[in-house]
Amino acid sequence: MASSKSLLATLRGARQDRPALWLMRQAGRYLPEYRALRETKGGFLELCYDPEAAAEVTLQPIRRFGFDGAILFSDILVIPHALGQDLWFEAGEGPRLAPPLVDHALAKLEAAPQRLDPVYRTVARVAGALPAETTFLGFAGSPWTVATYMVAGQGSKDQAAARRMAFGDPAAFAAIVDAVVELTVAYLSSQIEQGVEAVQLFDSWAGSLSPAQFERWVIAPNAAIVERLKALHPDTPVIGFPKGAGGKLAAYARETGVDAIGLDETVDPAWADAMLPADLPVQGNLDPLALVAGGAALDEAIDRILAAFPVRPHIFNLGHGIVPDTPIAHVEHLIRRVRGEQAGG
């Protein structure tokens, strides 16, 4: 029942006695069981598109830690793959997309939406296997972030290729963003139909834009997704995570229509509590490297975040994804401290 799910209740605006807790990238390389499975399955993309294996990876941190939320194991770049770009992952270097759209027209791509079908099968598998109290989270990349990869053909530190295109040929760049919006609505809607209970929009590169560009390429496309998704699934909460937005967070929260907002580790949580719309649920925002460090630094950071939201609905999470060298014992300590539990022997 939804009432037994603390994370889902928080996203709907109900403050909990203790914060609901999950971690971005909680299914992944810091877990030995993930590494063991990955060795048997080959590449990362093959793992994402294997419903049995991807469901297992999604469930692993729930079995080990009992998080309040399970996040679908997939990747934001399945959207450009389904739009017709080739996608692969170079060992040690990250994703590659071809052709890069800085040199090729979007219209030349041959859409392949069937590439998303394995993800929907993964969702159905996980939905049938989760504990009753665990909220199932789906996700997609936000249009700006996805478009930066589509234009450059890979990730970059400053997203220069996409920013140049957005300034120099805004009509062509808008066509890419519009295509991402269109498919993302269908993609998230299908995730919801197969069993996810809330979704998150990851805008990992939102911080690279000026205020005017942020309005055009972050706020407007995310608002379009939220509006269209709410028309289809009015009861499904949407979390917006515009990493690096800083002082633009309040405008994002007001104008996109998201049900909750994720805070990265650079945001002062007390400032966020003062500046964001009253009663808007927030998520975050422990520095992933504080979790690696452990000890007093971790405890102080946890306590500072918990104290920052005396009234507001709050989901405890990291300010970005968990890193591969995070000690399991530190995750266990984090869970105990957030939940107010005593350490075991």
Protein backbone atom coordinates (compact mmCIF):
# COMPACT_ATOMS: atom_id res chain seq x y z
CA MET A 1 0.00 0.00 0.00
CA ALA A 2 1.21 3.51 -0.78
CA SER A 3 0.72 4.57 2.83
CA SER A 4 3.44 2.13 3.93
CA LYS A 5 5.98 3.64 1.54
CA SER A 6 7.77 6.47 3.32
CA LEU A 7 9.58 7.70 0.22
CA LEU A 8 6.43 7.89 -1.88
CA ALA A 9 4.58 9.61 0.96
CA THR A 10 7.37 12.18 1.24
CA LEU A 11 7.22 12.93 -2.47
CA ARG A 12 3.51 13.57 -2.02
CA GLY A 13 4.26 16.14 0.65
CA ALA A 14 4.05 14.24 3.94
CA ARG A 15 6.97 14.80 6.30
CA GLN A 16 8.17 11.57 7.94
CA ASP A 17 9.39 11.02 11.48
CA ARG A 18 12.69 10.00 9.94
CA PRO A 19 13.71 10.86 6.37
CA ALA A 20 13.24 8.32 3.65
CA LEU A 21 16.62 7.26 2.28
CA TRP A 22 18.07 6.14 -1.04
CA LEU A 23 21.31 6.94 -2.86
CA MET A 24 21.91 7.94 -6.45
CA ARG A 25 23.85 5.19 -8.26
CA GLN A 26 23.15 2.89 -5.32
CA ALA A 27 23.12 -0.02 -7.78
CA GLY A 28 26.65 -0.13 -9.11
CA ARG A 29 30.37 -0.54 -8.85
CA TYR A 30 30.83 -0.06 -5.10
CA LEU A 31 28.95 -3.34 -4.53
CA PRO A 32 30.90 -6.61 -4.85
CA GLU A 33 27.76 -8.42 -6.01
CA TYR A 34 27.40 -5.92 -8.86
CA ARG A 35 31.03 -6.36 -9.91
CA ALA A 36 30.62 -10.13 -9.89
CA LEU A 37 27.54 -9.96 -12.09
CA ARG A 38 29.14 -7.42 -14.43
CA GLU A 39 32.04 -9.81 -15.06
CA THR A 40 29.62 -12.42 -16.38
CA LYS A 41 27.65 -10.05 -18.62
CA GLY A 42 30.28 -8.19 -20.61
CA GLY A 43 29.79 -4.49 -21.32
CA PHE A 44 27.76 -1.93 -19.44
CA LEU A 45 25.23 -1.38 -22.22
CA GLU A 46 24.67 -5.12 -22.56
CA LEU A 47 23.91 -5.20 -18.84
CA CYS A 48 21.41 -2.32 -19.16
CA TYR A 49 19.58 -4.12 -21.97
CA ASP A 50 19.45 -7.52 -20.22
CA PRO A 51 16.15 -7.41 -18.26
CA GLU A 52 17.03 -10.27 -15.92
CA ALA A 53 20.46 -8.87 -15.09
CA ALA A 54 19.32 -5.23 -14.88
CA ALA A 55 16.50 -6.22 -12.54
CA GLU A 56 18.97 -8.11 -10.36
CA VAL A 57 21.27 -5.08 -10.19
CA THR A 58 18.32 -2.83 -9.26
CA LEU A 59 17.39 -5.18 -6.42
CA GLN A 60 20.90 -5.78 -5.02
CA PRO A 61 21.14 -2.64 -2.82
CA ILE A 62 17.60 -3.19 -1.55
CA ARG A 63 18.51 -6.67 -0.34
CA ARG A 64 21.77 -5.51 1.21
CA PHE A 65 20.73 -2.18 2.77
CA GLY A 66 16.94 -1.98 2.79
CA PHE A 67 16.81 1.46 1.19
CA ASP A 68 13.38 3.11 1.02
CA GLY A 69 13.65 3.49 -2.74
CA ALA A 70 14.91 1.34 -5.61
CA ILE A 71 16.19 3.22 -8.67
CA LEU A 72 15.91 1.51 -12.04
CA PHE A 73 19.28 0.36 -13.36
CA SER A 74 19.71 1.88 -16.81
CA ASP A 75 21.43 4.87 -18.41
CA ILE A 76 20.31 8.30 -19.59
CA LEU A 77 21.75 7.66 -23.06
CA VAL A 78 19.25 5.00 -24.01
CA ILE A 79 17.16 7.93 -25.28
CA PRO A 80 19.61 9.04 -28.01
CA HIS A 81 20.15 5.36 -28.79
CA ALA A 82 16.40 5.03 -29.37
CA LEU A 83 16.42 8.23 -31.44
CA GLY A 84 18.82 6.52 -33.82
CA GLN A 85 22.36 7.33 -32.72
CA ASP A 86 24.81 4.50 -32.25
CA LEU A 87 25.83 4.08 -28.61
CA TRP A 88 28.76 2.30 -27.05
CA PHE A 89 31.02 2.66 -24.01
CA GLU A 90 34.79 2.96 -24.30
CA ALA A 91 36.62 1.29 -21.42
CA GLY A 92 37.92 3.94 -19.06
CA GLU A 93 36.63 6.79 -21.23
CA GLY A 94 32.84 6.68 -21.04
CA PRO A 95 30.02 6.77 -23.57
CA ARG A 96 30.24 7.50 -27.27
CA LEU A 97 27.41 8.46 -29.65
CA ALA A 98 27.61 8.52 -33.42
CA PRO A 99 27.08 10.45 -35.54
CA PRO A 100 27.64 13.52 -33.33
CA LEU A 101 24.86 15.94 -34.16
CA VAL A 102 27.16 18.95 -34.28
CA ASP A 103 27.94 17.73 -37.83
CA HIS A 104 24.80 15.81 -38.76
CA ALA A 105 21.15 16.71 -38.99
CA LEU A 106 18.76 15.09 -36.55
CA ALA A 107 16.47 14.27 -39.48
CA LYS A 108 19.06 11.84 -40.86
CA LEU A 109 18.72 9.57 -37.84
CA GLU A 110 16.48 6.52 -38.11
CA ALA A 111 14.53 6.20 -34.87
CA ALA A 112 14.67 2.83 -33.12
CA PRO A 113 12.20 3.03 -30.19
CA GLN A 114 12.24 -0.77 -29.87
CA ARG A 115 15.65 -0.38 -28.23
CA LEU A 116 13.78 0.71 -25.09
CA ASP A 117 11.68 -2.46 -24.85
CA PRO A 118 14.23 -4.31 -22.64
CA VAL A 119 14.07 -1.44 -20.14
CA TYR A 120 10.31 -1.83 -19.84
CA ARG A 121 10.75 -5.55 -19.25
CA THR A 122 13.27 -4.75 -16.52
CA VAL A 123 10.75 -2.44 -14.85
CA ALA A 124 8.08 -5.13 -14.87
CA ARG A 125 10.48 -7.65 -13.31
CA VAL A 126 11.54 -5.29 -10.53
CA ALA A 127 7.98 -4.16 -9.80
CA GLY A 128 7.01 -7.75 -9.14
CA ALA A 129 9.95 -8.40 -6.82
CA LEU A 130 10.30 -5.34 -4.56
CA PRO A 131 9.30 -5.40 -0.89
CA ALA A 132 5.93 -3.81 -0.21
CA GLU A 133 7.47 -0.85 1.63
CA THR A 134 9.98 0.07 -1.11
CA THR A 135 9.19 2.83 -3.60
CA PHE A 136 10.21 2.10 -7.20
CA LEU A 137 11.87 5.06 -8.94
CA GLY A 138 12.24 5.38 -12.69
CA PHE A 139 14.29 8.06 -14.40
CA ALA A 140 15.45 9.76 -17.54
CA GLY A 141 18.03 12.33 -18.42
CA SER A 142 16.77 15.88 -18.85
CA PRO A 143 16.82 17.24 -22.40
CA TRP A 144 19.72 19.68 -21.98
CA THR A 145 22.04 17.05 -20.52
CA VAL A 146 21.05 14.39 -23.05
CA ALA A 147 21.45 16.87 -25.90
CA THR A 148 25.00 17.74 -24.81
CA TYR A 149 26.01 14.13 -25.42
CA MET A 150 24.09 13.92 -28.68
CA VAL A 151 25.78 17.02 -30.10
CA ALA A 152 29.34 16.24 -29.00
CA GLY A 153 29.13 12.48 -29.33
CA GLN A 154 30.56 12.14 -25.84
CA GLY A 155 30.73 13.83 -22.47
CA SER A 156 32.80 16.96 -21.87
CA LYS A 157 33.82 19.17 -18.97
CA ASP A 158 32.25 22.37 -20.27
CA GLN A 159 29.60 21.17 -22.79
CA ALA A 160 31.13 23.63 -25.26
CA ALA A 161 29.86 21.95 -28.44
CA ALA A 162 26.24 22.04 -27.29
CA ARG A 163 26.54 25.56 -25.92
CA ARG A 164 28.01 26.79 -29.21
CA MET A 165 25.22 25.14 -31.17
CA ALA A 166 22.56 26.55 -28.82
CA PHE A 167 23.91 30.07 -29.45
CA GLY A 168 24.85 29.69 -33.10
CA ASP A 169 21.99 27.59 -34.45
CA PRO A 170 19.23 27.67 -31.82
CA ALA A 171 16.63 26.26 -34.22
CA ALA A 172 18.69 23.14 -34.88
CA PHE A 173 19.46 22.73 -31.21
CA ALA A 174 15.79 23.21 -30.31
CA ALA A 175 14.89 20.42 -32.71
CA ILE A 176 17.19 18.06 -30.81
CA VAL A 177 15.77 19.14 -27.45
CA ASP A 178 12.19 18.79 -28.73
CA ALA A 179 12.92 15.25 -29.96
CA VAL A 180 14.33 14.35 -26.54
CA VAL A 181 11.27 15.83 -24.80
CA GLU A 182 8.90 13.86 -27.02
CA LEU A 183 10.58 10.51 -26.50
CA THR A 184 11.24 11.12 -22.79
CA VAL A 185 7.53 11.61 -22.11
CA ALA A 186 6.73 8.32 -23.84
CA TYR A 187 9.66 6.59 -22.12
CA LEU A 188 8.72 7.69 -18.60
CA SER A 189 5.04 7.03 -19.24
CA SER A 190 5.87 3.45 -20.24
CA GLN A 191 8.03 3.03 -17.13
CA ILE A 192 5.06 4.16 -15.03
CA GLU A 193 2.71 1.79 -16.85
CA GLN A 194 5.09 -1.08 -16.09
CA GLY A 195 5.29 -0.29 -12.37
CA VAL A 196 7.52 2.62 -11.35
CA GLU A 197 5.88 4.85 -8.74
CA ALA A 198 7.88 8.07 -9.15
CA VAL A 199 10.43 9.36 -11.64
CA GLN A 200 13.52 11.53 -11.53
CA LEU A 201 14.81 13.87 -14.24
CA PHE A 202 18.61 14.04 -14.13
CA ASP A 203 20.09 17.28 -15.47
CA SER A 204 23.72 16.59 -14.68
CA TRP A 205 25.08 19.51 -16.75
CA ALA A 206 22.52 22.19 -15.82
CA GLY A 207 25.21 24.19 -14.07
CA SER A 208 27.03 25.09 -17.28
CA LEU A 209 24.38 27.55 -18.51
CA SER A 210 23.83 31.27 -18.01
CA PRO A 211 20.48 32.31 -16.45
CA ALA A 212 18.84 33.08 -19.82
CA GLN A 213 20.08 29.84 -21.38
CA PHE A 214 19.06 27.96 -18.24
CA GLU A 215 15.50 29.26 -18.66
CA ARG A 216 15.41 28.15 -22.29
CA TRP A 217 17.21 24.82 -22.23
CA VAL A 218 16.64 23.55 -18.68
CA ILE A 219 13.47 25.04 -17.23
CA ALA A 220 11.30 25.11 -20.36
CA PRO A 221 11.98 21.52 -21.57
CA ASN A 222 11.63 20.05 -18.09
CA ALA A 223 8.38 21.98 -17.58
CA ALA A 224 7.09 20.52 -20.86
CA ILE A 225 7.92 16.99 -19.74
CA VAL A 226 6.30 17.48 -16.34
CA GLU A 227 3.15 19.01 -17.81
CA ARG A 228 2.68 16.24 -20.36
CA LEU A 229 3.54 13.48 -17.92
CA LYS A 230 1.12 14.85 -15.34
CA ALA A 231 -1.65 14.85 -17.94
CA LEU A 232 -1.04 11.13 -18.42
CA HIS A 233 -0.17 10.14 -14.84
CA PRO A 234 -1.38 12.85 -12.45
CA ASP A 235 -0.59 10.85 -9.31
CA THR A 236 3.04 10.01 -10.17
CA PRO A 237 5.54 12.33 -8.45
CA VAL A 238 8.40 13.83 -10.46
CA ILE A 239 11.75 14.71 -8.88
CA GLY A 240 13.84 17.34 -10.66
CA PHE A 241 17.61 17.26 -10.20
CA PRO A 242 19.32 20.21 -11.91
CA LYS A 243 22.88 19.66 -10.75
CA GLY A 244 24.87 22.87 -10.41
CA ALA A 245 21.83 25.14 -10.69
CA GLY A 246 22.78 27.02 -7.52
CA GLY A 247 20.87 30.31 -7.25
CA LYS A 248 18.63 29.26 -10.15
CA LEU A 249 17.10 26.45 -8.06
CA ALA A 250 14.16 28.53 -6.83
CA ALA A 251 13.13 29.48 -10.37
CA TYR A 252 13.48 25.85 -11.45
CA ALA A 253 11.29 24.72 -8.57
CA ARG A 254 8.60 27.32 -9.27
CA GLU A 255 8.50 27.05 -13.04
CA THR A 256 8.98 23.36 -13.88
CA GLY A 257 6.13 22.01 -11.75
CA VAL A 258 8.24 19.21 -10.24
CA ASP A 259 6.92 17.58 -7.05
CA ALA A 260 10.34 17.50 -5.38
CA ILE A 261 13.77 18.92 -6.05
CA GLY A 262 17.17 17.30 -5.65
CA LEU A 263 20.02 19.34 -4.17
CA ASP A 264 23.61 18.71 -5.18
CA GLU A 265 26.40 18.83 -2.62
CA THR A 266 27.34 22.44 -3.39
CA VAL A 267 23.99 23.77 -2.13
CA ASP A 268 23.71 24.97 1.46
CA PRO A 269 20.69 22.98 2.70
CA ALA A 270 19.67 25.73 5.11
CA TRP A 271 19.67 28.22 2.21
CA ALA A 272 17.57 25.81 0.15
CA ASP A 273 15.08 25.46 2.99
CA ALA A 274 14.76 29.25 3.19
CA MET A 275 14.59 29.93 -0.56
CA LEU A 276 12.54 27.10 -2.06
CA PRO A 277 8.73 27.14 -2.15
CA ALA A 278 7.22 26.26 1.23
CA ASP A 279 6.49 22.57 1.77
CA LEU A 280 8.18 21.49 -1.49
CA PRO A 281 9.90 18.16 -0.73
CA VAL A 282 13.66 18.20 -1.17
CA GLN A 283 16.18 15.44 -1.68
CA GLY A 284 19.87 15.37 -0.83
CA ASN A 285 22.52 16.44 -0.40
CA LEU A 286 25.47 14.63 1.21
CA ASP A 287 28.78 15.01 -0.62
CA PRO A 288 29.66 11.55 -2.01
CA LEU A 289 33.26 12.08 -0.88
CA ALA A 290 32.15 12.65 2.71
CA LEU A 291 30.64 9.18 2.50
CA VAL A 292 34.00 7.86 1.30
CA ALA A 293 35.83 9.65 4.11
CA GLY A 294 33.60 8.42 6.92
CA GLY A 295 34.30 9.21 10.55
CA ALA A 296 33.55 12.58 12.12
CA ALA A 297 33.42 14.34 8.75
CA LEU A 298 30.59 12.07 7.66
CA ASP A 299 28.67 12.40 10.92
CA GLU A 300 28.93 16.18 10.91
CA ALA A 301 27.73 16.38 7.31
CA ILE A 302 24.77 14.07 7.98
CA ASP A 303 23.73 16.00 11.07
CA ARG A 304 23.99 19.36 9.29
CA ILE A 305 21.66 18.16 6.52
CA LEU A 306 19.17 16.63 8.93
CA ALA A 307 19.05 19.84 10.95
CA ALA A 308 18.47 22.01 7.88
CA PHE A 309 14.92 20.79 7.26
CA PRO A 310 13.03 21.04 10.57
CA VAL A 311 9.59 21.11 8.93
CA ARG A 312 10.00 20.46 5.20
CA PRO A 313 9.50 16.93 3.77
CA HIS A 314 13.01 15.59 3.19
CA ILE A 315 14.49 12.56 1.44
CA PHE A 316 18.05 11.86 2.50
CA ASN A 317 20.35 11.22 -0.46
CA LEU A 318 23.71 12.14 -1.86
CA GLY A 319 24.40 15.33 -3.79
CA HIS A 320 25.41 13.19 -6.77
CA GLY A 321 26.09 9.51 -7.44
CA ILE A 322 27.89 7.22 -5.04
CA VAL A 323 31.51 6.65 -6.12
CA PRO A 324 33.04 3.20 -6.72
CA ASP A 325 35.53 3.30 -3.83
CA THR A 326 32.87 3.97 -1.19
CA PRO A 327 33.31 1.55 1.74
CA ILE A 328 30.26 -0.63 2.42
CA ALA A 329 30.71 0.00 6.16
CA HIS A 330 30.29 3.75 5.62
CA VAL A 331 27.00 3.21 3.81
CA GLU A 332 25.82 1.04 6.68
CA HIS A 333 26.83 3.74 9.16
CA LEU A 334 25.00 6.39 7.13
CA ILE A 335 21.81 4.34 7.20
CA ARG A 336 22.00 3.80 10.96
CA ARG A 337 22.62 7.48 11.67
CA VAL A 338 19.87 8.78 9.41
CA ARG A 339 17.43 6.28 10.87
CA GLY A 340 18.51 6.96 14.44
CA GLU A 341 19.63 3.40 15.04
CA GLN A 342 22.39 2.27 17.38
CA ALA A 343 25.46 0.68 15.85
CA GLY A 344 25.74 -3.06 16.15
CA GLY A 345 28.56 -4.92 17.76
